[in-house]
N, C-alpha and C. Protein backbone atom coordinates (compact mmCIF):
# COMPACT_ATOMS: atom_id res chain seq x y z
N UNK A 1 77.86 -15.23 59.15
CA UNK A 1 76.51 -15.52 58.74
C UNK A 1 76.44 -15.55 57.22
N UNK A 2 75.73 -16.53 56.70
CA UNK A 2 75.62 -16.69 55.25
C UNK A 2 74.64 -15.68 54.67
N UNK A 3 75.04 -15.08 53.56
CA UNK A 3 74.15 -14.18 52.83
C UNK A 3 74.11 -14.65 51.38
N UNK A 4 72.94 -14.60 50.78
CA UNK A 4 72.86 -15.01 49.37
C UNK A 4 73.60 -14.04 48.47
N UNK A 5 74.11 -14.56 47.42
CA UNK A 5 74.79 -13.74 46.42
C UNK A 5 73.73 -12.87 45.72
N UNK A 6 73.92 -11.55 45.68
CA UNK A 6 72.92 -10.67 45.04
C UNK A 6 72.60 -11.06 43.60
N UNK A 7 73.58 -11.59 42.88
CA UNK A 7 73.32 -11.99 41.50
C UNK A 7 72.36 -13.17 41.44
N UNK A 8 72.42 -14.06 42.45
CA UNK A 8 71.48 -15.18 42.49
C UNK A 8 70.06 -14.69 42.78
N UNK A 9 69.93 -13.72 43.66
CA UNK A 9 68.62 -13.15 43.97
C UNK A 9 68.06 -12.49 42.72
N UNK A 10 68.87 -11.71 42.07
CA UNK A 10 68.43 -11.03 40.84
C UNK A 10 68.01 -12.06 39.80
N UNK A 11 68.74 -13.13 39.70
CA UNK A 11 68.43 -14.16 38.72
C UNK A 11 67.08 -14.81 39.03
N UNK A 12 66.83 -15.10 40.31
CA UNK A 12 65.56 -15.70 40.71
C UNK A 12 64.41 -14.75 40.41
N UNK A 13 64.56 -13.48 40.77
CA UNK A 13 63.52 -12.49 40.52
C UNK A 13 63.28 -12.33 39.02
N UNK A 14 64.36 -12.29 38.25
CA UNK A 14 64.23 -12.13 36.80
C UNK A 14 63.55 -13.36 36.19
N UNK A 15 63.87 -14.55 36.69
CA UNK A 15 63.21 -15.77 36.20
C UNK A 15 61.71 -15.71 36.45
N UNK A 16 61.32 -15.24 37.63
CA UNK A 16 59.90 -15.12 37.96
C UNK A 16 59.21 -14.10 37.06
N UNK A 17 59.86 -12.97 36.85
CA UNK A 17 59.31 -11.94 35.97
C UNK A 17 59.19 -12.47 34.54
N UNK A 18 60.20 -13.17 34.10
CA UNK A 18 60.16 -13.74 32.74
C UNK A 18 59.02 -14.75 32.60
N UNK A 19 58.78 -15.54 33.63
CA UNK A 19 57.68 -16.51 33.61
C UNK A 19 56.34 -15.80 33.51
N UNK A 20 56.17 -14.73 34.26
CA UNK A 20 54.93 -13.95 34.21
C UNK A 20 54.77 -13.33 32.83
N UNK A 21 55.85 -12.78 32.29
CA UNK A 21 55.79 -12.16 30.96
C UNK A 21 55.40 -13.17 29.89
N UNK A 22 55.95 -14.37 29.96
CA UNK A 22 55.60 -15.41 28.98
C UNK A 22 54.11 -15.76 29.07
N UNK A 23 53.60 -15.91 30.29
CA UNK A 23 52.17 -16.20 30.46
C UNK A 23 51.32 -15.04 29.99
N UNK A 24 51.71 -13.82 30.29
CA UNK A 24 50.97 -12.65 29.81
C UNK A 24 50.92 -12.63 28.29
N UNK A 25 52.07 -12.87 27.66
CA UNK A 25 52.12 -12.86 26.20
C UNK A 25 51.27 -13.98 25.60
N UNK A 26 51.22 -15.13 26.27
CA UNK A 26 50.37 -16.23 25.80
C UNK A 26 48.91 -15.82 25.85
N UNK A 27 48.51 -15.19 26.95
CA UNK A 27 47.11 -14.76 27.09
C UNK A 27 46.75 -13.69 26.06
N UNK A 28 47.69 -12.80 25.78
CA UNK A 28 47.44 -11.81 24.72
C UNK A 28 47.29 -12.49 23.36
N UNK A 29 48.19 -13.42 23.07
CA UNK A 29 48.11 -14.13 21.79
C UNK A 29 46.82 -14.94 21.68
N UNK A 30 46.42 -15.57 22.78
CA UNK A 30 45.18 -16.36 22.76
C UNK A 30 43.94 -15.51 22.56
N UNK A 31 44.03 -14.22 22.85
CA UNK A 31 42.86 -13.35 22.69
C UNK A 31 42.98 -12.41 21.49
N UNK A 32 43.99 -12.59 20.66
CA UNK A 32 44.13 -11.76 19.46
C UNK A 32 42.88 -11.80 18.58
N UNK A 33 42.28 -12.96 18.47
CA UNK A 33 41.12 -13.14 17.60
C UNK A 33 39.97 -12.22 17.97
N UNK A 34 39.91 -11.77 19.21
CA UNK A 34 38.79 -10.95 19.67
C UNK A 34 38.80 -9.55 19.07
N UNK A 35 39.91 -9.16 18.48
CA UNK A 35 40.03 -7.79 17.97
C UNK A 35 39.90 -7.68 16.46
N UNK A 36 39.67 -8.80 15.78
CA UNK A 36 39.45 -8.72 14.33
C UNK A 36 38.05 -8.16 14.08
N UNK A 37 37.87 -7.46 12.96
CA UNK A 37 36.60 -6.75 12.73
C UNK A 37 35.34 -7.61 12.83
N UNK A 38 35.38 -8.85 12.38
CA UNK A 38 34.15 -9.65 12.37
C UNK A 38 34.07 -10.66 13.52
N UNK A 39 34.84 -10.45 14.57
CA UNK A 39 34.80 -11.37 15.73
C UNK A 39 33.46 -11.24 16.44
N UNK A 40 32.80 -12.38 16.70
CA UNK A 40 31.48 -12.35 17.35
C UNK A 40 31.62 -12.24 18.87
N UNK A 41 32.11 -11.10 19.33
CA UNK A 41 32.34 -10.94 20.77
C UNK A 41 32.26 -9.46 21.14
N UNK A 42 32.29 -9.18 22.41
CA UNK A 42 32.27 -7.81 22.90
C UNK A 42 33.70 -7.26 22.85
N UNK A 43 34.01 -6.56 21.79
CA UNK A 43 35.38 -6.07 21.58
C UNK A 43 35.84 -5.13 22.69
N UNK A 44 34.94 -4.32 23.21
CA UNK A 44 35.32 -3.36 24.25
C UNK A 44 35.81 -4.08 25.50
N UNK A 45 35.06 -5.09 25.93
CA UNK A 45 35.49 -5.84 27.13
C UNK A 45 36.82 -6.52 26.90
N UNK A 46 36.97 -7.14 25.72
CA UNK A 46 38.23 -7.81 25.43
C UNK A 46 39.37 -6.81 25.30
N UNK A 47 39.11 -5.64 24.76
CA UNK A 47 40.17 -4.63 24.64
C UNK A 47 40.64 -4.18 26.03
N UNK A 48 39.68 -3.99 26.94
CA UNK A 48 40.05 -3.60 28.31
C UNK A 48 40.83 -4.73 28.97
N UNK A 49 40.37 -5.97 28.83
CA UNK A 49 41.09 -7.13 29.39
C UNK A 49 42.52 -7.16 28.87
N UNK A 50 42.69 -6.97 27.57
CA UNK A 50 44.03 -7.03 26.97
C UNK A 50 44.90 -5.87 27.46
N UNK A 51 44.30 -4.69 27.67
CA UNK A 51 45.07 -3.57 28.20
C UNK A 51 45.47 -3.84 29.65
N UNK A 52 44.59 -4.48 30.41
CA UNK A 52 44.92 -4.85 31.79
C UNK A 52 46.13 -5.79 31.80
N UNK A 53 46.18 -6.71 30.84
CA UNK A 53 47.35 -7.60 30.75
C UNK A 53 48.61 -6.80 30.43
N UNK A 54 48.50 -5.87 29.51
CA UNK A 54 49.68 -5.07 29.13
C UNK A 54 50.19 -4.21 30.28
N UNK A 55 49.27 -3.72 31.11
CA UNK A 55 49.64 -2.82 32.20
C UNK A 55 49.98 -3.54 33.50
N UNK A 56 49.94 -4.85 33.49
CA UNK A 56 50.11 -5.63 34.70
C UNK A 56 51.52 -5.48 35.29
N UNK A 57 51.60 -5.47 36.60
CA UNK A 57 52.87 -5.43 37.33
C UNK A 57 53.45 -6.84 37.34
N UNK A 58 54.60 -7.03 36.70
CA UNK A 58 55.20 -8.36 36.62
C UNK A 58 55.75 -8.85 37.95
N UNK A 59 56.05 -7.94 38.86
CA UNK A 59 56.63 -8.36 40.14
C UNK A 59 55.56 -8.83 41.11
N UNK A 60 54.32 -8.38 40.91
CA UNK A 60 53.22 -8.79 41.78
C UNK A 60 51.96 -8.94 40.92
N UNK A 61 51.93 -9.98 40.07
CA UNK A 61 50.85 -10.08 39.08
C UNK A 61 49.48 -10.38 39.70
N UNK A 62 48.49 -9.66 39.22
CA UNK A 62 47.09 -9.94 39.52
C UNK A 62 46.45 -10.18 38.16
N UNK A 63 46.11 -11.44 37.89
CA UNK A 63 45.62 -11.81 36.58
C UNK A 63 44.16 -11.41 36.41
N UNK A 64 43.86 -10.62 35.38
CA UNK A 64 42.46 -10.28 35.12
C UNK A 64 41.70 -11.50 34.60
N UNK A 65 40.40 -11.49 34.79
CA UNK A 65 39.56 -12.58 34.31
C UNK A 65 39.12 -12.24 32.89
N UNK A 66 39.36 -13.18 31.98
CA UNK A 66 38.97 -12.97 30.59
C UNK A 66 37.45 -12.99 30.46
N UNK A 67 36.90 -12.10 29.65
CA UNK A 67 35.44 -12.04 29.49
C UNK A 67 34.91 -13.13 28.55
N UNK A 68 34.95 -14.36 29.00
CA UNK A 68 34.46 -15.48 28.19
C UNK A 68 33.02 -15.81 28.54
N UNK A 69 32.41 -16.65 27.74
CA UNK A 69 31.00 -17.01 27.94
C UNK A 69 30.80 -18.10 28.99
N UNK A 70 31.85 -18.81 29.36
CA UNK A 70 31.70 -19.95 30.25
C UNK A 70 32.09 -19.64 31.71
N UNK A 71 31.84 -18.42 32.15
CA UNK A 71 32.17 -18.04 33.51
C UNK A 71 31.01 -18.36 34.45
N UNK A 72 31.36 -18.65 35.69
CA UNK A 72 30.32 -18.81 36.71
C UNK A 72 29.78 -17.43 37.04
N UNK A 73 28.62 -17.35 37.70
CA UNK A 73 28.10 -16.03 38.08
C UNK A 73 29.09 -15.23 38.95
N UNK A 74 29.79 -15.92 39.84
CA UNK A 74 30.77 -15.23 40.69
C UNK A 74 31.94 -14.69 39.86
N UNK A 75 32.41 -15.48 38.90
CA UNK A 75 33.51 -15.03 38.05
C UNK A 75 33.07 -13.86 37.17
N UNK A 76 31.83 -13.93 36.69
CA UNK A 76 31.30 -12.84 35.87
C UNK A 76 31.26 -11.54 36.68
N UNK A 77 30.79 -11.63 37.91
CA UNK A 77 30.73 -10.45 38.77
C UNK A 77 32.13 -9.88 39.02
N UNK A 78 33.09 -10.75 39.32
CA UNK A 78 34.46 -10.31 39.57
C UNK A 78 35.06 -9.70 38.31
N UNK A 79 34.80 -10.31 37.15
CA UNK A 79 35.31 -9.78 35.89
C UNK A 79 34.74 -8.38 35.65
N UNK A 80 33.44 -8.21 35.88
CA UNK A 80 32.81 -6.90 35.70
C UNK A 80 33.42 -5.87 36.65
N UNK A 81 33.71 -6.27 37.86
CA UNK A 81 34.36 -5.36 38.82
C UNK A 81 35.74 -4.94 38.34
N UNK A 82 36.52 -5.94 37.88
CA UNK A 82 37.86 -5.64 37.37
C UNK A 82 37.80 -4.68 36.19
N UNK A 83 36.92 -4.99 35.24
CA UNK A 83 36.81 -4.15 34.05
C UNK A 83 36.35 -2.74 34.42
N UNK A 84 35.40 -2.65 35.33
CA UNK A 84 34.89 -1.34 35.75
C UNK A 84 35.99 -0.52 36.43
N UNK A 85 36.74 -1.14 37.36
CA UNK A 85 37.83 -0.43 38.04
C UNK A 85 38.86 0.06 37.03
N UNK A 86 39.21 -0.83 36.10
CA UNK A 86 40.23 -0.48 35.14
C UNK A 86 39.75 0.63 34.21
N UNK A 87 38.52 0.52 33.73
CA UNK A 87 37.99 1.54 32.83
C UNK A 87 37.91 2.89 33.54
N UNK A 88 37.50 2.90 34.80
CA UNK A 88 37.45 4.16 35.56
C UNK A 88 38.84 4.75 35.73
N UNK A 89 39.82 3.89 35.97
CA UNK A 89 41.20 4.35 36.11
C UNK A 89 41.67 4.99 34.81
N UNK A 90 41.38 4.34 33.69
CA UNK A 90 41.78 4.89 32.40
C UNK A 90 41.12 6.24 32.15
N UNK A 91 39.83 6.33 32.41
CA UNK A 91 39.11 7.58 32.19
C UNK A 91 39.60 8.67 33.13
N UNK A 92 39.74 8.33 34.39
CA UNK A 92 40.16 9.32 35.39
C UNK A 92 41.58 9.81 35.12
N UNK A 93 42.51 8.86 34.88
CA UNK A 93 43.89 9.25 34.62
C UNK A 93 44.00 10.06 33.35
N UNK A 94 43.27 9.68 32.33
CA UNK A 94 43.30 10.43 31.07
C UNK A 94 42.80 11.85 31.26
N UNK A 95 41.74 12.00 32.04
CA UNK A 95 41.18 13.33 32.29
C UNK A 95 42.18 14.20 33.05
N UNK A 96 42.82 13.61 34.07
CA UNK A 96 43.79 14.38 34.86
C UNK A 96 45.00 14.77 34.03
N UNK A 97 45.45 13.88 33.15
CA UNK A 97 46.61 14.18 32.33
C UNK A 97 46.31 15.34 31.39
N UNK A 98 45.09 15.39 30.85
CA UNK A 98 44.71 16.48 29.95
C UNK A 98 44.64 17.80 30.73
N UNK A 99 44.13 17.77 31.95
CA UNK A 99 43.99 18.99 32.73
C UNK A 99 45.35 19.55 33.13
N UNK A 100 46.34 18.67 33.35
CA UNK A 100 47.66 19.12 33.80
C UNK A 100 48.46 19.73 32.66
N UNK A 101 48.17 19.37 31.42
CA UNK A 101 48.97 19.87 30.30
C UNK A 101 48.46 21.17 29.76
């Protein structure tokens, strides 16, 4: 029975991860402007979005929705849910880490 060469599987998985990483880095670069001091935007939302990109699992990516002005009402609601979940995770995990130390 034929079995794939493990190095070929690793190569395919690594190619997929590299593709996700490149897209993640592009999205971070495209949103760099949101963090300059005089940017006319909600820096907190963009900072959370950018942190979500940094913390993303490359093997099973779930792309966060960028907090832009041209979202549909449904996209806005989903973005708010994502940001809220992520912010709660950051707050909760940070609190637990402080209590354990």
